[in-house]
Structure formats: structure tokens, C-alpha cells
Amino acid sequence: MGLLYALLIGAAAGWLAGKIMKGGGFGALINIILGIVGGVVGNWLFGVLGIHIGSGIVGDLITGVIGAVVVLFVAGLFKK
């Protein structure tokens, strides 16, 4: 159940990050995959910085979106 939760939150985070980046995305499917990776990156990044956004779905989604935006930004640098 935890894996399914992580995939759903990551997918939603990737979709939202694609909308935030406007043109910096790679299409819906790749943005969703990068959102799943971004959730991991966001959790790691906030852990290193000692930041705790909150708990529950909203906190996980915010963390995932921020991580996905970072991943999309870095991936966009390599896209050019």
C-alpha cells in the first residue's frame, strides 16, 4: 500500500510540476515519472536541510511538487 501511495502522490506532483514549469516539461508521462523521482528528491532535500513541511497527503504532495520542480529544472538544463 505504501508503494501505491508513493506512486500516486509522485504522479500528481509530476503533473503539477509540469504545469508550474510551463514549457519546461517533457510531456505528461515523463513529467509523472520525474514527479515520482522528484518525491524522493524532495524528501531527501528537505531531510538534509532539516525542513519539515507537514504530514499527510498535503505535506507529501507539497514536498513532491517541490522535488519534481527541482528535477524538471535540472532535466531541462540537460535537454538543451
C-alpha atoms as a PDB file:
ATOM      1  CA  MET A   1       0.000   0.000   0.000  1.00  0.00           C
ATOM      2  CA  GLY A   2       2.888   2.378   0.712  1.00  0.00           C
ATOM      3  CA  LEU A   3       4.297   1.937  -2.786  1.00  0.00           C
ATOM      4  CA  LEU A   4       0.929   2.691  -4.387  1.00  0.00           C
ATOM      5  CA  TYR A   5       0.591   5.808  -2.213  1.00  0.00           C
ATOM      6  CA  ALA A   6       4.074   6.989  -3.227  1.00  0.00           C
ATOM      7  CA  LEU A   7       3.323   6.398  -6.913  1.00  0.00           C
ATOM      8  CA  LEU A   8       0.032   8.298  -6.770  1.00  0.00           C
ATOM      9  CA  ILE A   9       1.496  11.250  -4.877  1.00  0.00           C
ATOM     10  CA  GLY A  10       4.531  11.276  -7.199  1.00  0.00           C
ATOM     11  CA  ALA A  11       2.311  11.185 -10.271  1.00  0.00           C
ATOM     12  CA  ALA A  12       0.215  14.093  -9.008  1.00  0.00           C
ATOM     13  CA  ALA A  13       3.372  16.001  -8.050  1.00  0.00           C
ATOM     14  CA  GLY A  14       4.875  15.443 -11.504  1.00  0.00           C
ATOM     15  CA  TRP A  15       1.736  16.635 -13.227  1.00  0.00           C
ATOM     16  CA  LEU A  16       1.583  19.760 -11.035  1.00  0.00           C
ATOM     17  CA  ALA A  17       5.291  20.447 -11.520  1.00  0.00           C
ATOM     18  CA  GLY A  18       4.813  20.223 -15.282  1.00  0.00           C
ATOM     19  CA  LYS A  19       2.068  22.832 -15.033  1.00  0.00           C
ATOM     20  CA  ILE A  20       4.242  25.071 -12.830  1.00  0.00           C
ATOM     21  CA  MET A  21       7.263  24.840 -15.136  1.00  0.00           C
ATOM     22  CA  LYS A  22       5.218  25.794 -18.268  1.00  0.00           C
ATOM     23  CA  GLY A  23       7.262  24.668 -21.222  1.00  0.00           C
ATOM     24  CA  GLY A  24      10.000  23.194 -19.077  1.00  0.00           C
ATOM     25  CA  GLY A  25       8.299  19.839 -19.022  1.00  0.00           C
ATOM     26  CA  PHE A  26       8.745  16.790 -21.180  1.00  0.00           C
ATOM     27  CA  GLY A  27       5.145  15.722 -21.701  1.00  0.00           C
ATOM     28  CA  ALA A  28       2.641  14.279 -19.284  1.00  0.00           C
ATOM     29  CA  LEU A  29       4.082  10.761 -18.963  1.00  0.00           C
ATOM     30  CA  ILE A  30       7.693  11.828 -18.444  1.00  0.00           C
ATOM     31  CA  ASN A  31       6.588  14.587 -16.040  1.00  0.00           C
ATOM     32  CA  ILE A  32       4.740  11.972 -13.977  1.00  0.00           C
ATOM     33  CA  ILE A  33       7.818   9.727 -13.904  1.00  0.00           C
ATOM     34  CA  LEU A  34      10.011  12.702 -12.968  1.00  0.00           C
ATOM     35  CA  GLY A  35       7.430  13.566 -10.287  1.00  0.00           C
ATOM     36  CA  ILE A  36       7.896  10.153  -8.702  1.00  0.00           C
ATOM     37  CA  VAL A  37      11.664  10.708  -8.740  1.00  0.00           C
ATOM     38  CA  GLY A  38      11.038  14.264  -7.501  1.00  0.00           C
ATOM     39  CA  GLY A  39       9.190  12.945  -4.467  1.00  0.00           C
ATOM     40  CA  VAL A  40      12.293  11.029  -3.472  1.00  0.00           C
ATOM     41  CA  VAL A  41      14.495  14.059  -4.192  1.00  0.00           C
ATOM     42  CA  GLY A  42      12.177  16.350  -2.224  1.00  0.00           C
ATOM     43  CA  ASN A  43      12.193  14.055   0.807  1.00  0.00           C
ATOM     44  CA  TRP A  44      15.988  13.784   0.669  1.00  0.00           C
ATOM     45  CA  LEU A  45      16.490  17.532   0.126  1.00  0.00           C
ATOM     46  CA  PHE A  46      14.189  18.552   2.957  1.00  0.00           C
ATOM     47  CA  GLY A  47      15.781  15.944   5.227  1.00  0.00           C
ATOM     48  CA  VAL A  48      19.248  17.350   4.549  1.00  0.00           C
ATOM     49  CA  LEU A  49      18.050  20.918   5.111  1.00  0.00           C
ATOM     50  CA  GLY A  50      16.101  19.961   8.244  1.00  0.00           C
ATOM     51  CA  ILE A  51      12.808  21.273   6.845  1.00  0.00           C
ATOM     52  CA  HIS A  52       9.508  19.605   7.680  1.00  0.00           C
ATOM     53  CA  ILE A  53       6.576  20.762   5.539  1.00  0.00           C
ATOM     54  CA  GLY A  54       3.874  18.815   7.308  1.00  0.00           C
ATOM     55  CA  SER A  55       2.338  15.400   7.451  1.00  0.00           C
ATOM     56  CA  GLY A  56      -0.377  13.722   5.483  1.00  0.00           C
ATOM     57  CA  ILE A  57      -1.293  13.941   1.856  1.00  0.00           C
ATOM     58  CA  VAL A  58      -0.915  17.720   1.569  1.00  0.00           C
ATOM     59  CA  GLY A  59       2.578  17.756   3.084  1.00  0.00           C
ATOM     60  CA  ASP A  60       3.679  14.843   0.912  1.00  0.00           C
ATOM     61  CA  LEU A  61       2.236  16.497  -2.190  1.00  0.00           C
ATOM     62  CA  ILE A  62       3.974  19.821  -1.485  1.00  0.00           C
ATOM     63  CA  THR A  63       7.274  18.024  -0.878  1.00  0.00           C
ATOM     64  CA  GLY A  64       6.816  16.021  -4.069  1.00  0.00           C
ATOM     65  CA  VAL A  65       5.948  19.071  -6.156  1.00  0.00           C
ATOM     66  CA  ILE A  66       8.988  21.000  -4.936  1.00  0.00           C
ATOM     67  CA  GLY A  67      11.221  17.990  -5.565  1.00  0.00           C
ATOM     68  CA  ALA A  68       9.694  17.465  -9.006  1.00  0.00           C
ATOM     69  CA  VAL A  69      10.214  21.128  -9.924  1.00  0.00           C
ATOM     70  CA  VAL A  70      13.886  20.756  -8.963  1.00  0.00           C
ATOM     71  CA  VAL A  71      14.184  17.561 -11.027  1.00  0.00           C
ATOM     72  CA  LEU A  72      12.418  19.154 -14.019  1.00  0.00           C
ATOM     73  CA  PHE A  73      14.675  22.193 -13.790  1.00  0.00           C
ATOM     74  CA  VAL A  74      17.827  20.069 -13.745  1.00  0.00           C
ATOM     75  CA  ALA A  75      16.496  17.822 -16.528  1.00  0.00           C
ATOM     76  CA  GLY A  76      15.685  20.943 -18.557  1.00  0.00           C
ATOM     77  CA  LEU A  77      19.317  22.007 -18.320  1.00  0.00           C
ATOM     78  CA  PHE A  78      20.333  18.734 -19.964  1.00  0.00           C
ATOM     79  CA  LYS A  79      17.529  18.950 -22.528  1.00  0.00           C
ATOM     80  CA  LYS A  80      19.085  22.000 -24.175  1.00  0.00           C
END
